[in-house]
Amino acid sequence: MPDLFNGDPVPVERPADFDLMTWSARHGPETVDPIIQLALDELTNNVGISRVGIVGYCFGGRYVARWLGNSDADIAAGYTAHPSNVQPEEWAGMTAPLSLAIAENDMTFPLAQSRAAEDIFRNLTIAWETATYSDVPHGFGVRANMSLPRQVFAKEQAFLQAVQWLDEYVKPENATDGGPRLRRPYGKHGFDDEH
């Protein structure tokens, strides 16, 4: 897994004077995209991986959307949970399947933004899915409160959501006619066209 923060993560225990906006300015696409490109080059050129799926939680969610829209990257599919800072044009630029896990109580990616993202997805020709998990906060997919059964359930279900999605869209044995992304387009057809 690449270090998207290049050795400069947000501290787990943030000091009182920590400035998230200053930190964020150091970690935009101009800094993060080359790290991802380096990791993809390593996987495809030196390790011999032929099909790649990408996963991103919170900060990484933006890069899932960005890289699903990068035609040079040839990403088979992606998954993100409680993404942050994804721009509408990044959602709209995706050309490969996406699965999205949403927290009901997320101030970083509120339900209004997730619904707006779904409206964008409906105009794309990719396969996509969203699942909204009730009574969970931003970050539930990686740091659920293990003393709260509903958060534990949501964390486990979101993990299974990712596994099942990537199993369907990344594994070569599941590919049809060159890959799942080449299946009949989704989104612009009515119910009668699809059934």
C-alpha atoms as a PDB file:
ATOM      1  CA  MET A   1       0.000   0.000   0.000  1.00  0.00           C
ATOM      2  CA  PRO A   2       1.521   3.331  -0.974  1.00  0.00           C
ATOM      3  CA  ASP A   3       2.130   6.044   1.616  1.00  0.00           C
ATOM      4  CA  LEU A   4      -0.132   8.742   0.186  1.00  0.00           C
ATOM      5  CA  PHE A   5       1.043  11.147   2.886  1.00  0.00           C
ATOM      6  CA  ASN A   6       4.723  10.740   1.963  1.00  0.00           C
ATOM      7  CA  GLY A   7       5.754  10.331   5.604  1.00  0.00           C
ATOM      8  CA  ASP A   8       3.561  13.228   6.808  1.00  0.00           C
ATOM      9  CA  PRO A   9       0.298  11.715   8.158  1.00  0.00           C
ATOM     10  CA  VAL A  10      -2.231  13.542  10.305  1.00  0.00           C
ATOM     11  CA  PRO A  11      -1.194  12.705  13.881  1.00  0.00           C
ATOM     12  CA  VAL A  12      -3.504  10.292  15.674  1.00  0.00           C
ATOM     13  CA  GLU A  13      -3.271  12.535  18.731  1.00  0.00           C
ATOM     14  CA  ARG A  14      -3.393  15.972  17.130  1.00  0.00           C
ATOM     15  CA  PRO A  15      -1.523  18.710  18.970  1.00  0.00           C
ATOM     16  CA  ALA A  16      -3.595  21.781  19.898  1.00  0.00           C
ATOM     17  CA  ASP A  17      -1.842  23.871  17.242  1.00  0.00           C
ATOM     18  CA  PHE A  18      -2.308  21.340  14.410  1.00  0.00           C
ATOM     19  CA  ASP A  19      -3.703  23.086  11.318  1.00  0.00           C
ATOM     20  CA  LEU A  20      -5.597  20.644   9.105  1.00  0.00           C
ATOM     21  CA  MET A  21      -5.941  23.204   6.302  1.00  0.00           C
ATOM     22  CA  THR A  22      -2.160  23.722   6.125  1.00  0.00           C
ATOM     23  CA  TRP A  23      -1.631  19.968   6.180  1.00  0.00           C
ATOM     24  CA  SER A  24      -4.240  19.496   3.425  1.00  0.00           C
ATOM     25  CA  ALA A  25      -2.522  22.072   1.233  1.00  0.00           C
ATOM     26  CA  ARG A  26       0.608  19.879   1.296  1.00  0.00           C
ATOM     27  CA  HIS A  27      -1.361  16.795   0.221  1.00  0.00           C
ATOM     28  CA  GLY A  28      -3.351  17.688  -2.883  1.00  0.00           C
ATOM     29  CA  PRO A  29      -3.568  15.825  -6.186  1.00  0.00           C
ATOM     30  CA  GLU A  30      -0.309  17.357  -7.421  1.00  0.00           C
ATOM     31  CA  THR A  31       1.472  15.545  -4.552  1.00  0.00           C
ATOM     32  CA  VAL A  32      -0.635  12.400  -4.193  1.00  0.00           C
ATOM     33  CA  ASP A  33      -1.238  11.450  -7.847  1.00  0.00           C
ATOM     34  CA  PRO A  34       2.489  10.837  -8.552  1.00  0.00           C
ATOM     35  CA  ILE A  35       2.667   8.514  -5.512  1.00  0.00           C
ATOM     36  CA  ILE A  36      -0.267   6.501  -6.832  1.00  0.00           C
ATOM     37  CA  GLN A  37       1.225   6.415 -10.321  1.00  0.00           C
ATOM     38  CA  LEU A  38       4.503   5.089  -8.894  1.00  0.00           C
ATOM     39  CA  ALA A  39       2.645   2.342  -7.004  1.00  0.00           C
ATOM     40  CA  LEU A  40       0.643   1.362 -10.106  1.00  0.00           C
ATOM     41  CA  ASP A  41       3.812   1.290 -12.224  1.00  0.00           C
ATOM     42  CA  GLU A  42       5.466  -0.976  -9.662  1.00  0.00           C
ATOM     43  CA  LEU A  43       2.501  -3.361  -9.583  1.00  0.00           C
ATOM     44  CA  THR A  44       2.030  -3.589 -13.330  1.00  0.00           C
ATOM     45  CA  ASN A  45       5.637  -3.370 -14.548  1.00  0.00           C
ATOM     46  CA  ASN A  46       7.661  -5.107 -11.833  1.00  0.00           C
ATOM     47  CA  VAL A  47       5.230  -7.349  -9.979  1.00  0.00           C
ATOM     48  CA  GLY A  48       3.277  -8.470 -13.039  1.00  0.00           C
ATOM     49  CA  ILE A  49      -0.220  -7.591 -11.842  1.00  0.00           C
ATOM     50  CA  SER A  50      -2.530  -7.363 -14.842  1.00  0.00           C
ATOM     51  CA  ARG A  51      -5.799  -6.206 -13.225  1.00  0.00           C
ATOM     52  CA  VAL A  52      -5.903  -3.610 -10.483  1.00  0.00           C
ATOM     53  CA  GLY A  53      -8.684  -2.555  -8.140  1.00  0.00           C
ATOM     54  CA  ILE A  54      -8.349   0.433  -5.855  1.00  0.00           C
ATOM     55  CA  VAL A  55      -9.697   1.123  -2.376  1.00  0.00           C
ATOM     56  CA  GLY A  56      -9.715   4.373  -0.443  1.00  0.00           C
ATOM     57  CA  TYR A  57     -11.126   5.411   2.900  1.00  0.00           C
ATOM     58  CA  CYS A  58     -11.798   9.075   3.754  1.00  0.00           C
ATOM     59  CA  PHE A  59      -8.850  10.966   2.194  1.00  0.00           C
ATOM     60  CA  GLY A  60      -8.255   8.074  -0.212  1.00  0.00           C
ATOM     61  CA  GLY A  61     -11.824   8.184  -1.510  1.00  0.00           C
ATOM     62  CA  ARG A  62     -11.048  11.231  -3.610  1.00  0.00           C
ATOM     63  CA  TYR A  63      -8.238   9.349  -5.292  1.00  0.00           C
ATOM     64  CA  VAL A  64     -10.441   6.344  -6.008  1.00  0.00           C
ATOM     65  CA  ALA A  65     -12.757   8.648  -7.984  1.00  0.00           C
ATOM     66  CA  ARG A  66      -9.852  10.460  -9.674  1.00  0.00           C
ATOM     67  CA  TRP A  67      -8.120   7.238 -10.732  1.00  0.00           C
ATOM     68  CA  LEU A  68     -11.302   5.523 -11.906  1.00  0.00           C
ATOM     69  CA  GLY A  69     -11.437   8.406 -14.364  1.00  0.00           C
ATOM     70  CA  ASN A  70      -7.820   8.094 -15.490  1.00  0.00           C
ATOM     71  CA  SER A  71      -7.985   6.163 -18.770  1.00  0.00           C
ATOM     72  CA  ASP A  72      -4.206   5.676 -18.811  1.00  0.00           C
ATOM     73  CA  ALA A  73      -4.313   3.846 -15.465  1.00  0.00           C
ATOM     74  CA  ASP A  74      -6.590   0.980 -16.611  1.00  0.00           C
ATOM     75  CA  ILE A  75      -8.106   0.448 -13.165  1.00  0.00           C
ATOM     76  CA  ALA A  76     -10.685  -2.369 -13.239  1.00  0.00           C
ATOM     77  CA  ALA A  77     -12.870  -1.123 -10.340  1.00  0.00           C
ATOM     78  CA  GLY A  78     -12.839   0.804  -7.099  1.00  0.00           C
ATOM     79  CA  TYR A  79     -14.361   0.969  -3.645  1.00  0.00           C
ATOM     80  CA  THR A  80     -14.490   3.815  -1.163  1.00  0.00           C
ATOM     81  CA  ALA A  81     -15.978   4.303   2.280  1.00  0.00           C
ATOM     82  CA  HIS A  82     -16.830   7.696   3.789  1.00  0.00           C
ATOM     83  CA  PRO A  83     -14.844   9.647   1.147  1.00  0.00           C
ATOM     84  CA  SER A  84     -13.789  13.249   1.635  1.00  0.00           C
ATOM     85  CA  ASN A  85     -13.109  16.189  -0.665  1.00  0.00           C
ATOM     86  CA  VAL A  86     -14.298  14.459  -3.847  1.00  0.00           C
ATOM     87  CA  GLN A  87     -15.242  17.089  -6.397  1.00  0.00           C
ATOM     88  CA  PRO A  88     -18.366  16.565  -8.562  1.00  0.00           C
ATOM     89  CA  GLU A  89     -16.238  16.543 -11.730  1.00  0.00           C
ATOM     90  CA  GLU A  90     -14.142  13.721 -10.261  1.00  0.00           C
ATOM     91  CA  TRP A  91     -17.249  11.598  -9.726  1.00  0.00           C
ATOM     92  CA  ALA A  92     -18.463  12.531 -13.216  1.00  0.00           C
ATOM     93  CA  GLY A  93     -15.161  11.559 -14.827  1.00  0.00           C
ATOM     94  CA  MET A  94     -15.204   7.935 -13.656  1.00  0.00           C
ATOM     95  CA  THR A  95     -15.085   5.269 -16.356  1.00  0.00           C
ATOM     96  CA  ALA A  96     -14.801   2.107 -14.225  1.00  0.00           C
ATOM     97  CA  PRO A  97     -17.162   0.514 -11.664  1.00  0.00           C
ATOM     98  CA  LEU A  98     -17.454   2.056  -8.177  1.00  0.00           C
ATOM     99  CA  SER A  99     -18.860   0.833  -4.876  1.00  0.00           C
ATOM    100  CA  LEU A 100     -19.438   3.441  -2.178  1.00  0.00           C
ATOM    101  CA  ALA A 101     -20.078   2.893   1.557  1.00  0.00           C
ATOM    102  CA  ILE A 102     -21.742   5.875   3.219  1.00  0.00           C
ATOM    103  CA  ALA A 103     -22.046   6.821   6.890  1.00  0.00           C
ATOM    104  CA  GLU A 104     -25.442   8.191   7.861  1.00  0.00           C
ATOM    105  CA  ASN A 105     -23.890  10.627  10.355  1.00  0.00           C
ATOM    106  CA  ASP A 106     -21.023  12.004   8.308  1.00  0.00           C
ATOM    107  CA  MET A 107     -20.251  15.708   8.499  1.00  0.00           C
ATOM    108  CA  THR A 108     -17.417  15.295   5.969  1.00  0.00           C
ATOM    109  CA  PHE A 109     -19.563  13.554   3.315  1.00  0.00           C
ATOM    110  CA  PRO A 110     -23.148  14.308   4.393  1.00  0.00           C
ATOM    111  CA  LEU A 111     -26.123  12.498   2.946  1.00  0.00           C
ATOM    112  CA  ALA A 112     -26.939  15.458   0.694  1.00  0.00           C
ATOM    113  CA  GLN A 113     -23.533  15.076  -0.965  1.00  0.00           C
ATOM    114  CA  SER A 114     -23.953  11.320  -1.311  1.00  0.00           C
ATOM    115  CA  ARG A 115     -27.333  11.838  -2.975  1.00  0.00           C
ATOM    116  CA  ALA A 116     -25.771  14.401  -5.331  1.00  0.00           C
ATOM    117  CA  ALA A 117     -23.051  11.866  -6.148  1.00  0.00           C
ATOM    118  CA  GLU A 118     -25.727   9.246  -6.920  1.00  0.00           C
ATOM    119  CA  ASP A 119     -27.395  11.709  -9.297  1.00  0.00           C
ATOM    120  CA  ILE A 120     -24.057  12.027 -11.092  1.00  0.00           C
ATOM    121  CA  PHE A 121     -23.616   8.225 -11.188  1.00  0.00           C
ATOM    122  CA  ARG A 122     -27.013   7.821 -12.845  1.00  0.00           C
ATOM    123  CA  ASN A 123     -25.691   9.750 -15.835  1.00  0.00           C
ATOM    124  CA  LEU A 124     -22.609   7.550 -16.212  1.00  0.00           C
ATOM    125  CA  THR A 125     -22.364   4.276 -18.099  1.00  0.00           C
ATOM    126  CA  ILE A 126     -20.487   2.429 -15.351  1.00  0.00           C
ATOM    127  CA  ALA A 127     -21.732  -0.079 -12.813  1.00  0.00           C
ATOM    128  CA  TRP A 128     -22.057   1.495  -9.382  1.00  0.00           C
ATOM    129  CA  GLU A 129     -23.583   0.845  -6.003  1.00  0.00           C
ATOM    130  CA  THR A 130     -24.000   2.712  -2.750  1.00  0.00           C
ATOM    131  CA  ALA A 131     -24.836   1.430   0.708  1.00  0.00           C
ATOM    132  CA  THR A 132     -25.720   3.776   3.547  1.00  0.00           C
ATOM    133  CA  TYR A 133     -25.011   2.480   7.050  1.00  0.00           C
ATOM    134  CA  SER A 134     -27.325   3.841   9.750  1.00  0.00           C
ATOM    135  CA  ASP A 135     -26.179   5.387  13.016  1.00  0.00           C
ATOM    136  CA  VAL A 136     -22.481   5.400  12.123  1.00  0.00           C
ATOM    137  CA  PRO A 137     -20.079   8.346  11.859  1.00  0.00           C
ATOM    138  CA  HIS A 138     -17.427   9.281   9.335  1.00  0.00           C
ATOM    139  CA  GLY A 139     -14.562   6.808   9.643  1.00  0.00           C
ATOM    140  CA  PHE A 140     -16.688   3.794  10.623  1.00  0.00           C
ATOM    141  CA  GLY A 141     -15.026   1.605   7.978  1.00  0.00           C
ATOM    142  CA  VAL A 142     -11.632   1.801   9.683  1.00  0.00           C
ATOM    143  CA  ARG A 143     -12.217   2.978  13.230  1.00  0.00           C
ATOM    144  CA  ALA A 144     -15.638   1.848  14.360  1.00  0.00           C
ATOM    145  CA  ASN A 145     -16.386   1.961  18.064  1.00  0.00           C
ATOM    146  CA  MET A 146     -16.084  -1.746  18.823  1.00  0.00           C
ATOM    147  CA  SER A 147     -18.293  -1.380  21.919  1.00  0.00           C
ATOM    148  CA  LEU A 148     -21.264  -0.355  19.742  1.00  0.00           C
ATOM    149  CA  PRO A 149     -22.773  -3.373  17.946  1.00  0.00           C
ATOM    150  CA  ARG A 150     -24.303  -1.298  15.130  1.00  0.00           C
ATOM    151  CA  GLN A 151     -20.911   0.233  14.295  1.00  0.00           C
ATOM    152  CA  VAL A 152     -19.238  -3.174  14.399  1.00  0.00           C
ATOM    153  CA  PHE A 153     -21.898  -4.567  12.067  1.00  0.00           C
ATOM    154  CA  ALA A 154     -21.536  -1.630   9.647  1.00  0.00           C
ATOM    155  CA  LYS A 155     -17.743  -1.935   9.591  1.00  0.00           C
ATOM    156  CA  GLU A 156     -17.949  -5.651   8.843  1.00  0.00           C
ATOM    157  CA  GLN A 157     -20.672  -5.215   6.208  1.00  0.00           C
ATOM    158  CA  ALA A 158     -18.735  -2.435   4.475  1.00  0.00           C
ATOM    159  CA  PHE A 159     -15.695  -4.719   4.347  1.00  0.00           C
ATOM    160  CA  LEU A 160     -17.808  -7.475   2.763  1.00  0.00           C
ATOM    161  CA  GLN A 161     -19.244  -4.907   0.345  1.00  0.00           C
ATOM    162  CA  ALA A 162     -15.703  -4.091  -0.811  1.00  0.00           C
ATOM    163  CA  VAL A 163     -14.677  -7.737  -1.112  1.00  0.00           C
ATOM    164  CA  GLN A 164     -17.763  -8.726  -3.093  1.00  0.00           C
ATOM    165  CA  TRP A 165     -17.458  -5.717  -5.419  1.00  0.00           C
ATOM    166  CA  LEU A 166     -13.796  -6.276  -6.168  1.00  0.00           C
ATOM    167  CA  ASP A 167     -14.395 -10.013  -6.521  1.00  0.00           C
ATOM    168  CA  GLU A 168     -16.997  -9.267  -9.204  1.00  0.00           C
ATOM    169  CA  TYR A 169     -15.168  -6.553 -11.106  1.00  0.00           C
ATOM    170  CA  VAL A 170     -11.445  -7.218 -10.689  1.00  0.00           C
ATOM    171  CA  LYS A 171     -10.920 -10.981 -10.710  1.00  0.00           C
ATOM    172  CA  PRO A 172     -10.012 -12.092 -14.251  1.00  0.00           C
ATOM    173  CA  GLU A 173     -12.161 -15.218 -14.053  1.00  0.00           C
ATOM    174  CA  ASN A 174     -15.218 -13.003 -13.598  1.00  0.00           C
ATOM    175  CA  ALA A 175     -14.457 -10.951 -16.688  1.00  0.00           C
ATOM    176  CA  THR A 176     -16.747 -11.240 -19.688  1.00  0.00           C
ATOM    177  CA  ASP A 177     -15.693 -10.136 -23.156  1.00  0.00           C
ATOM    178  CA  GLY A 178     -12.572  -8.368 -21.966  1.00  0.00           C
ATOM    179  CA  GLY A 179     -13.789  -7.385 -18.507  1.00  0.00           C
ATOM    180  CA  PRO A 180     -16.870  -6.428 -16.537  1.00  0.00           C
ATOM    181  CA  ARG A 181     -16.526  -2.773 -17.559  1.00  0.00           C
ATOM    182  CA  LEU A 182     -17.342  -3.877 -21.122  1.00  0.00           C
ATOM    183  CA  ARG A 183     -20.691  -5.311 -20.123  1.00  0.00           C
ATOM    184  CA  ARG A 184     -23.781  -3.506 -21.291  1.00  0.00           C
ATOM    185  CA  PRO A 185     -23.645   0.110 -20.036  1.00  0.00           C
ATOM    186  CA  TYR A 186     -25.611   1.049 -16.945  1.00  0.00           C
ATOM    187  CA  GLY A 187     -27.366   4.243 -16.027  1.00  0.00           C
ATOM    188  CA  LYS A 188     -28.744   5.755 -19.230  1.00  0.00           C
ATOM    189  CA  HIS A 189     -31.289   3.047 -19.946  1.00  0.00           C
ATOM    190  CA  GLY A 190     -34.761   2.621 -18.558  1.00  0.00           C
ATOM    191  CA  PHE A 191     -36.000  -0.436 -16.702  1.00  0.00           C
ATOM    192  CA  ASP A 192     -37.407  -2.001 -19.870  1.00  0.00           C
ATOM    193  CA  ASP A 193     -34.041  -1.606 -21.628  1.00  0.00           C
ATOM    194  CA  GLU A 194     -32.255  -3.385 -18.797  1.00  0.00           C
ATOM    195  CA  HIS A 195     -34.669  -6.320 -18.383  1.00  0.00           C
END
